[in-house]
Amino acid sequence: MDLRQDAQELSGDLVALRRALHQVPELGLDLPRTQETVLGALDGLPLEISTGTGLSSVTAVLRGARDGGGGPVVLLRGDMDALPVTEDTGAEFSSRHEGRMHACGHDLHTAGLVGAAKLLSAHRDRLAGDVVFMFQPGEEGHDGAGRMIAEGVLEAAGRPVAEAYGLHVVSAMIPRGMFVSRPGPLMAAADGLFVRVLGAGGHGSRPHAALDPVPAACEMVTALQTMVTRRFSVFDPVVVTVGTFHAGTQRNIIPPDARFEATIRSFSRQARERVAELAVPLCRDIAAAHGLEVEIRYQAEYPVTVNDPAGHEFVAETVREVFGEERFAVAPDPVTGSEDFSRVLDRVPGAFVFLGATFADDPDSAPYNHSPQASFDDSVLADGAALLAELAARRLQGVPA
């Protein structure tokens, strides 16, 4: 089968689907219009389709005609949710909803996974196993993958998934059409630190008669950065970024409390566990030194996205054979962003791969994912769909890695 050629013939339909999705972005776990559009795009294919009960997911199972009920199961995933961003790209098919935008390319992921479903459905007679297509809401901070796992996506074919593969487009950094991945850690774990320092309000001119929470909170922010540089190896790094800090209503009023929130990224289980052990007592001890109380919550979010070495090599060889040697590159370092597909790869061997979708000749100059100006060249859609389909087809035809 020539899936790449077949994908090129589908390209116009996939681009039209992507642009329709782009105009009606939806947030979080509840994506009714997106779900309806996906179901419509899959209509007529030989798929067993189910939808989520606690979220607007779509799970579609393709039974390989050579299966006999005992072949392996391969999962392919595409996330569907948008971001709370007001689009500023000037595209003809821009978002129709202010404050919502497909700024991370999930509309391409959804259309690409529909393409893979169509490609593999047309060749199901060649498949000695089943394919699970995982259309997932809630990747952007809502743990949609974890919820779909809880609802049974990894057993949707009636037996466990043996391997899983996913793809993510990027609007910058990677040249258009390049596939990039790496064995082992690919993306960081993400956790959250939520701190409220409790003081006693008063007049700004008489701080000695109050308990000012602001200096203590500021000291905590600084101490967290020092902790990263002095308690962790530079070869197993940790990133702590305080993204919100709130205190007070007016410059001459000492507020009763100060709050901040931080995102924490790490690349190993050991570093992730250690930063959780250190950050909470650090903030608590600083509060105590100032005679203050503190409320602290450390929230584990997503684990490290780890590519199985064999899965990574399989992706690399497939790209090189199908698209050419020059179309694949090994990333020298992991990415500090996080991804809830990590939950799938935590349970099932497989790999995640990036696909360059920038318009810019100089990818470093283009606005990156999550920017209001992030633009994705949907001419890469056919190749993205073809790669996903090739990975499943080769595994289910017994082609060695």
Protein backbone atom coordinates (compact mmCIF):
# COMPACT_ATOMS: atom_id res chain seq x y z
CA MET A 1 0.00 0.00 0.00
CA ASP A 2 1.20 3.52 -0.77
CA LEU A 3 -0.23 5.43 2.18
CA ARG A 4 1.75 8.58 1.42
CA GLN A 5 0.25 8.84 -2.06
CA ASP A 6 -3.21 8.03 -0.70
CA ALA A 7 -2.77 10.76 1.89
CA GLN A 8 -1.89 13.33 -0.76
CA GLU A 9 -5.18 12.52 -2.51
CA LEU A 10 -6.98 13.23 0.79
CA SER A 11 -5.05 16.47 1.40
CA GLY A 12 -7.77 18.85 0.22
CA ASP A 13 -10.40 17.24 2.43
CA LEU A 14 -8.09 17.25 5.44
CA VAL A 15 -7.22 20.92 4.99
CA ALA A 16 -10.92 21.79 4.70
CA LEU A 17 -11.66 19.84 7.88
CA ARG A 18 -8.82 21.52 9.74
CA ARG A 19 -9.99 24.99 8.73
CA ALA A 20 -13.58 24.24 9.72
CA LEU A 21 -12.36 23.11 13.15
CA HIS A 22 -10.12 26.17 13.44
CA GLN A 23 -13.07 28.54 13.14
CA VAL A 24 -15.01 27.03 16.06
CA PRO A 25 -12.42 26.30 18.77
CA GLU A 26 -13.64 24.85 22.06
CA LEU A 27 -11.94 24.67 25.43
CA GLY A 28 -11.33 22.02 28.03
CA LEU A 29 -13.18 18.74 28.27
CA ASP A 30 -16.52 19.78 26.78
CA LEU A 31 -16.17 20.07 22.99
CA PRO A 32 -19.65 19.29 21.60
CA ARG A 33 -19.22 20.91 18.17
CA THR A 34 -15.76 19.46 17.70
CA GLN A 35 -17.01 16.02 18.68
CA GLU A 36 -19.92 16.33 16.26
CA THR A 37 -17.56 17.37 13.45
CA VAL A 38 -15.26 14.42 14.11
CA LEU A 39 -18.16 11.98 14.18
CA GLY A 40 -19.36 13.38 10.86
CA ALA A 41 -15.91 13.04 9.32
CA LEU A 42 -15.70 9.39 10.42
CA ASP A 43 -19.20 8.53 9.26
CA GLY A 44 -19.28 5.63 6.82
CA LEU A 45 -15.91 4.17 7.84
CA PRO A 46 -15.81 0.59 9.20
CA LEU A 47 -15.18 1.76 12.76
CA GLU A 48 -16.60 0.85 16.16
CA ILE A 49 -17.19 4.28 17.67
CA SER A 50 -17.88 5.26 21.26
CA THR A 51 -17.97 8.63 22.99
CA GLY A 52 -16.94 9.63 26.49
CA THR A 53 -19.29 9.93 29.43
CA GLY A 54 -17.42 12.62 31.37
CA LEU A 55 -15.84 14.40 28.42
CA SER A 56 -16.40 14.95 24.69
CA SER A 57 -14.01 12.24 23.56
CA VAL A 58 -14.32 9.98 20.53
CA THR A 59 -12.80 6.50 20.50
CA ALA A 60 -12.86 4.62 17.22
CA VAL A 61 -11.69 1.03 16.76
CA LEU A 62 -10.72 -0.38 13.36
CA ARG A 63 -10.71 -4.17 13.25
CA GLY A 64 -8.05 -5.54 10.93
CA ALA A 65 -9.55 -8.05 8.53
CA ARG A 66 -6.52 -10.36 9.01
CA ASP A 67 -6.87 -10.10 12.78
CA GLY A 68 -8.88 -13.15 13.77
CA GLY A 69 -9.36 -11.55 17.17
CA GLY A 70 -5.85 -12.09 18.47
CA GLY A 71 -3.54 -9.61 16.76
CA PRO A 72 -1.85 -6.68 18.49
CA VAL A 73 -3.54 -3.34 19.12
CA VAL A 74 -1.92 -0.03 18.16
CA LEU A 75 -3.25 3.30 19.47
CA LEU A 76 -2.99 6.57 17.55
CA ARG A 77 -3.85 9.80 19.33
CA GLY A 78 -4.92 13.31 18.35
CA ASP A 79 -5.95 16.01 20.82
CA MET A 80 -8.85 18.36 19.96
CA ASP A 81 -9.08 21.28 22.42
CA ALA A 82 -8.11 24.92 21.88
CA LEU A 83 -6.69 27.65 24.13
CA PRO A 84 -8.16 30.78 25.80
CA VAL A 85 -6.30 33.06 23.37
CA THR A 86 -7.67 35.74 21.06
CA GLU A 87 -6.40 35.02 17.55
CA ASP A 88 -4.26 37.61 15.76
CA THR A 89 -3.13 35.81 12.60
CA GLY A 90 -5.27 37.48 9.95
CA ALA A 91 -6.09 34.12 8.39
CA GLU A 92 -9.28 33.92 6.32
CA PHE A 93 -10.43 31.04 8.50
CA SER A 94 -9.60 32.68 11.84
CA SER A 95 -11.49 31.79 14.98
CA ARG A 96 -15.03 33.15 15.07
CA HIS A 97 -14.91 33.31 18.87
CA GLU A 98 -12.96 36.02 20.66
CA GLY A 99 -10.89 34.58 23.47
CA ARG A 100 -10.63 31.12 21.90
CA MET A 101 -8.06 29.92 19.39
CA HIS A 102 -6.41 26.77 18.12
CA ALA A 103 -3.06 28.26 19.03
CA CYS A 104 -1.35 24.90 19.61
CA GLY A 105 -2.29 23.14 16.38
CA HIS A 106 -4.74 20.64 17.83
CA ASP A 107 -7.03 21.28 14.86
CA LEU A 108 -4.29 19.82 12.67
CA HIS A 109 -3.91 16.86 15.04
CA THR A 110 -7.63 16.12 14.82
CA ALA A 111 -7.77 16.39 11.04
CA GLY A 112 -4.60 14.31 10.73
CA LEU A 113 -6.03 11.52 12.88
CA VAL A 114 -9.21 11.52 10.79
CA GLY A 115 -6.92 11.16 7.77
CA ALA A 116 -5.12 8.20 9.35
CA ALA A 117 -8.47 6.55 10.08
CA LYS A 118 -9.52 6.94 6.45
CA LEU A 119 -6.22 5.65 5.13
CA LEU A 120 -6.19 2.56 7.34
CA SER A 121 -9.88 1.85 6.80
CA ALA A 122 -9.21 1.63 3.07
CA HIS A 123 -6.56 -1.04 3.73
CA ARG A 124 -8.05 -2.94 6.68
CA ASP A 125 -7.74 -6.20 4.72
CA ARG A 126 -3.96 -5.88 5.18
CA LEU A 127 -4.06 -5.38 8.96
CA ALA A 128 -3.41 -8.33 11.28
CA GLY A 129 -4.55 -6.45 14.36
CA ASP A 130 -6.68 -3.51 15.50
CA VAL A 131 -6.16 0.24 15.62
CA VAL A 132 -7.61 2.51 18.31
CA PHE A 133 -8.04 6.15 17.26
CA MET A 134 -8.00 8.34 20.38
CA PHE A 135 -9.65 11.74 19.76
CA GLN A 136 -8.93 13.49 23.05
CA PRO A 137 -10.29 16.69 24.63
CA GLY A 138 -8.68 18.54 27.50
CA GLU A 139 -4.96 18.30 26.76
CA GLU A 140 -4.39 21.92 27.72
CA GLY A 141 -4.28 21.48 31.47
CA HIS A 142 -7.37 19.31 31.97
CA ASP A 143 -5.78 15.83 31.91
CA GLY A 144 -8.00 14.59 29.11
CA ALA A 145 -5.67 11.65 28.49
CA GLY A 146 -5.95 10.53 32.10
CA ARG A 147 -9.72 10.75 31.92
CA MET A 148 -9.88 8.77 28.71
CA ILE A 149 -7.63 6.12 30.24
CA ALA A 150 -9.96 5.96 33.24
CA GLU A 151 -12.89 5.47 30.84
CA GLY A 152 -11.10 2.57 29.16
CA VAL A 153 -9.46 3.86 25.97
CA LEU A 154 -6.49 1.50 26.43
CA GLU A 155 -8.87 -1.50 26.45
CA ALA A 156 -11.28 -0.19 23.80
CA ALA A 157 -10.41 -3.01 21.38
CA GLY A 158 -11.27 -5.65 23.97
CA ARG A 159 -7.62 -6.36 24.77
CA PRO A 160 -4.81 -4.06 25.92
CA VAL A 161 -3.07 -1.62 23.59
CA ALA A 162 0.40 -2.92 22.74
CA GLU A 163 1.93 0.29 21.35
CA ALA A 164 0.91 3.96 21.11
CA TYR A 165 2.00 6.80 18.85
CA GLY A 166 1.20 10.50 18.71
CA LEU A 167 2.27 13.57 16.76
CA HIS A 168 2.45 17.29 17.58
CA VAL A 169 2.84 20.15 15.10
CA VAL A 170 4.91 23.22 15.95
CA SER A 171 4.64 26.67 14.39
CA ALA A 172 8.30 27.57 14.98
CA MET A 173 11.75 26.16 15.80
CA ILE A 174 11.48 23.16 13.42
CA PRO A 175 11.62 23.59 9.61
CA ARG A 176 8.40 22.90 7.76
CA GLY A 177 7.93 19.19 7.03
CA MET A 178 10.67 17.97 9.39
CA PHE A 179 9.89 15.22 11.87
CA VAL A 180 11.84 15.48 15.14
CA SER A 181 11.96 13.21 18.16
CA ARG A 182 14.40 11.54 20.54
CA PRO A 183 14.64 8.35 22.61
CA GLY A 184 13.99 8.56 26.34
CA PRO A 185 12.70 11.79 27.90
CA LEU A 186 11.15 14.00 25.21
CA MET A 187 9.03 16.44 27.23
CA ALA A 188 9.06 17.51 30.86
CA ALA A 189 6.88 16.51 33.75
CA ALA A 190 4.67 19.37 34.95
CA ASP A 191 3.51 20.04 38.51
CA GLY A 192 1.93 23.03 40.22
CA LEU A 193 2.82 24.87 43.42
CA PHE A 194 0.08 27.02 44.99
CA VAL A 195 1.03 29.24 47.94
CA ARG A 196 -0.97 31.62 50.12
CA VAL A 197 0.98 33.55 52.76
CA LEU A 198 -1.25 34.65 55.67
CA GLY A 199 -0.40 37.89 57.45
CA ALA A 200 -2.26 40.70 59.16
CA GLY A 201 -3.22 43.79 57.20
CA GLY A 202 -2.51 47.32 58.29
CA HIS A 203 -1.46 50.81 57.25
CA GLY A 204 1.46 51.02 54.85
CA SER A 205 3.11 53.65 57.03
CA ARG A 206 3.14 51.36 60.11
CA PRO A 207 4.40 47.92 59.00
CA HIS A 208 5.56 47.15 62.55
CA ALA A 209 1.91 47.11 63.62
CA ALA A 210 0.95 44.56 60.95
CA LEU A 211 2.27 41.26 59.62
CA ASP A 212 3.28 41.95 56.04
CA PRO A 213 3.00 38.82 53.84
CA VAL A 214 4.53 40.42 50.75
CA PRO A 215 8.26 40.34 51.70
CA ALA A 216 7.93 36.73 52.83
CA ALA A 217 6.21 35.72 49.59
CA CYS A 218 8.89 37.52 47.58
CA GLU A 219 11.58 35.72 49.55
CA MET A 220 9.91 32.40 48.74
CA VAL A 221 9.97 33.17 45.02
CA THR A 222 13.68 33.97 45.17
CA ALA A 223 14.46 30.97 47.37
CA LEU A 224 12.74 28.60 44.95
CA GLN A 225 15.06 29.77 42.19
CA THR A 226 18.09 29.31 44.44
CA MET A 227 16.85 25.83 45.38
CA VAL A 228 16.88 24.83 41.71
CA THR A 229 20.51 25.89 41.25
CA ARG A 230 21.84 24.54 44.55
CA ARG A 231 19.91 21.35 45.27
CA PHE A 232 19.65 19.82 41.80
CA SER A 233 22.24 18.61 39.32
CA VAL A 234 22.62 20.67 36.18
CA PHE A 235 22.55 17.33 34.32
CA ASP A 236 19.06 16.55 35.64
CA PRO A 237 17.53 20.01 35.55
CA VAL A 238 14.43 21.46 37.16
CA VAL A 239 12.61 24.62 36.02
CA VAL A 240 10.49 26.67 38.45
CA THR A 241 8.53 29.59 37.03
CA VAL A 242 6.23 31.74 39.17
CA GLY A 243 3.53 32.77 36.73
CA THR A 244 1.13 34.60 39.04
CA PHE A 245 1.69 36.80 42.10
CA HIS A 246 -1.16 38.68 43.73
CA ALA A 247 -1.26 40.88 46.82
CA GLY A 248 -2.99 44.01 47.96
CA THR A 249 -5.36 46.60 46.57
CA GLN A 250 -3.52 49.90 47.10
CA ARG A 251 0.05 50.99 47.68
CA ASN A 252 -0.47 52.32 51.21
CA ILE A 253 -2.30 49.24 52.51
CA ILE A 254 -0.51 46.20 53.87
CA PRO A 255 -2.58 43.27 52.60
CA PRO A 256 -3.73 40.39 54.80
CA ASP A 257 -2.35 37.80 52.41
CA ALA A 258 -0.22 37.26 49.31
CA ARG A 259 -0.62 34.46 46.78
CA PHE A 260 1.51 33.02 44.04
CA GLU A 261 1.44 30.03 41.74
CA ALA A 262 4.34 28.29 40.04
CA THR A 263 4.77 25.68 37.34
CA ILE A 264 7.53 23.15 37.98
CA ARG A 265 9.15 21.13 35.18
CA SER A 266 11.48 18.17 35.56
CA PHE A 267 12.89 15.39 33.38
CA SER A 268 13.29 12.41 35.71
CA ARG A 269 11.22 10.65 38.32
CA GLN A 270 13.93 11.27 40.91
CA ALA A 271 14.09 15.04 40.32
CA ARG A 272 10.30 15.28 40.27
CA GLU A 273 9.99 13.54 43.64
CA ARG A 274 12.80 15.60 45.17
CA VAL A 275 11.43 19.00 44.14
CA ALA A 276 8.10 18.09 45.74
CA GLU A 277 9.92 17.13 48.94
CA LEU A 278 11.94 20.37 49.06
CA ALA A 279 9.62 23.11 47.82
CA VAL A 280 6.89 22.78 50.43
CA PRO A 281 9.08 22.90 53.58
CA LEU A 282 11.15 25.68 52.03
CA CYS A 283 8.12 27.95 51.77
CA ARG A 284 6.79 26.88 55.15
CA ASP A 285 10.10 27.61 56.90
CA ILE A 286 10.40 31.06 55.31
CA ALA A 287 6.88 31.89 56.50
CA ALA A 288 7.78 30.74 60.01
CA ALA A 289 10.91 32.89 60.01
CA HIS A 290 8.66 35.90 59.35
CA GLY A 291 6.14 34.88 62.02
CA LEU A 292 3.52 34.07 59.38
CA GLU A 293 1.26 31.18 58.51
CA VAL A 294 1.16 29.69 55.02
CA GLU A 295 -1.16 27.47 53.05
CA ILE A 296 0.63 25.34 50.44
CA ARG A 297 -0.61 22.87 47.87
CA TYR A 298 1.73 20.89 45.66
CA GLN A 299 -0.18 19.33 42.79
CA ALA A 300 1.27 16.56 40.65
CA GLU A 301 0.06 17.06 37.09
CA TYR A 302 1.74 15.22 34.18
CA PRO A 303 4.66 12.79 34.20
CA VAL A 304 7.68 13.00 31.91
CA THR A 305 6.88 12.11 28.29
CA VAL A 306 9.26 9.23 27.69
CA ASN A 307 9.77 7.64 24.28
CA ASP A 308 10.49 3.93 24.36
CA PRO A 309 13.89 3.59 22.60
CA ALA A 310 12.58 0.88 20.27
CA GLY A 311 9.48 2.95 19.53
CA HIS A 312 11.58 5.99 18.73
CA GLU A 313 13.82 3.99 16.40
CA PHE A 314 10.75 2.57 14.67
CA VAL A 315 9.42 6.10 14.06
CA ALA A 316 12.81 7.28 12.81
CA GLU A 317 13.20 4.36 10.39
CA THR A 318 9.65 4.76 9.13
CA VAL A 319 10.10 8.47 8.41
CA ARG A 320 13.41 7.86 6.64
CA GLU A 321 11.99 5.07 4.49
CA VAL A 322 8.73 6.82 3.59
CA PHE A 323 9.77 10.48 3.37
CA GLY A 324 13.55 10.41 2.99
CA GLU A 325 16.62 10.57 5.23
CA GLU A 326 16.56 14.38 5.31
CA ARG A 327 13.06 14.51 6.83
CA PHE A 328 13.99 13.16 10.28
CA ALA A 329 16.18 14.67 12.98
CA VAL A 330 16.99 13.61 16.52
CA ALA A 331 16.37 16.36 19.09
CA PRO A 332 19.54 16.98 21.13
CA ASP A 333 17.61 17.88 24.27
CA PRO A 334 14.15 17.34 25.74
CA VAL A 335 11.49 20.04 25.48
CA THR A 336 10.50 21.83 28.69
CA GLY A 337 6.84 21.84 27.69
CA SER A 338 4.67 19.01 28.97
CA GLU A 339 2.09 16.75 27.37
CA ASP A 340 -0.61 14.48 28.82
CA PHE A 341 0.13 11.82 26.18
CA SER A 342 2.80 11.05 28.78
CA ARG A 343 0.05 9.20 30.66
CA VAL A 344 -0.36 6.82 27.72
CA LEU A 345 3.38 6.31 27.27
CA ASP A 346 3.66 5.70 31.02
CA ARG A 347 1.57 2.56 30.49
CA VAL A 348 2.26 1.55 26.89
CA PRO A 349 5.52 1.57 24.89
CA GLY A 350 5.56 3.87 21.91
CA ALA A 351 6.73 7.30 20.87
CA PHE A 352 5.74 10.92 20.34
CA VAL A 353 7.09 12.98 17.45
CA PHE A 354 7.09 16.65 16.45
CA LEU A 355 6.28 17.88 12.94
CA GLY A 356 7.38 21.32 11.74
CA ALA A 357 4.44 23.33 10.39
CA THR A 358 5.93 26.81 10.27
CA PHE A 359 5.36 29.22 7.41
CA ALA A 360 8.67 30.97 8.06
CA ASP A 361 11.86 30.25 6.14
CA ASP A 362 13.63 30.99 9.42
CA PRO A 363 11.71 28.87 11.96
CA ASP A 364 13.41 30.62 14.90
CA SER A 365 11.74 33.90 13.91
CA ALA A 366 8.16 32.58 13.85
CA PRO A 367 5.67 32.94 16.72
CA TYR A 368 5.65 29.72 18.75
CA ASN A 369 2.71 27.57 19.81
CA HIS A 370 0.27 29.33 22.22
CA SER A 371 0.99 32.74 20.69
CA PRO A 372 -1.96 34.77 19.31
CA GLN A 373 0.11 34.97 16.11
CA ALA A 374 0.92 31.25 15.92
CA SER A 375 0.22 30.05 12.38
CA PHE A 376 0.42 26.47 11.15
CA ASP A 377 0.97 25.50 7.53
CA ASP A 378 -1.67 22.85 6.90
CA SER A 379 0.15 21.62 3.81
CA VAL A 380 1.92 19.22 6.22
CA LEU A 381 -1.37 17.54 7.12
CA ALA A 382 -1.16 14.78 4.53
CA ASP A 383 2.32 13.75 5.65
CA GLY A 384 1.28 13.78 9.31
CA ALA A 385 -1.70 11.54 8.57
CA ALA A 386 0.45 9.27 6.41
CA LEU A 387 3.05 8.82 9.16
CA LEU A 388 0.46 7.87 11.76
CA ALA A 389 -1.12 5.40 9.35
CA GLU A 390 2.26 3.97 8.34
CA LEU A 391 3.24 3.36 11.96
CA ALA A 392 0.07 1.38 12.65
CA ALA A 393 0.12 -0.46 9.32
CA ARG A 394 3.74 -1.55 9.65
CA ARG A 395 3.21 -2.81 13.17
CA LEU A 396 0.11 -4.71 12.14
CA GLN A 397 1.70 -6.19 9.03
CA GLY A 398 4.64 -7.49 10.98
CA VAL A 399 7.23 -5.19 9.42
CA PRO A 400 10.21 -5.27 11.82
CA ALA A 401 11.32 -2.11 13.54
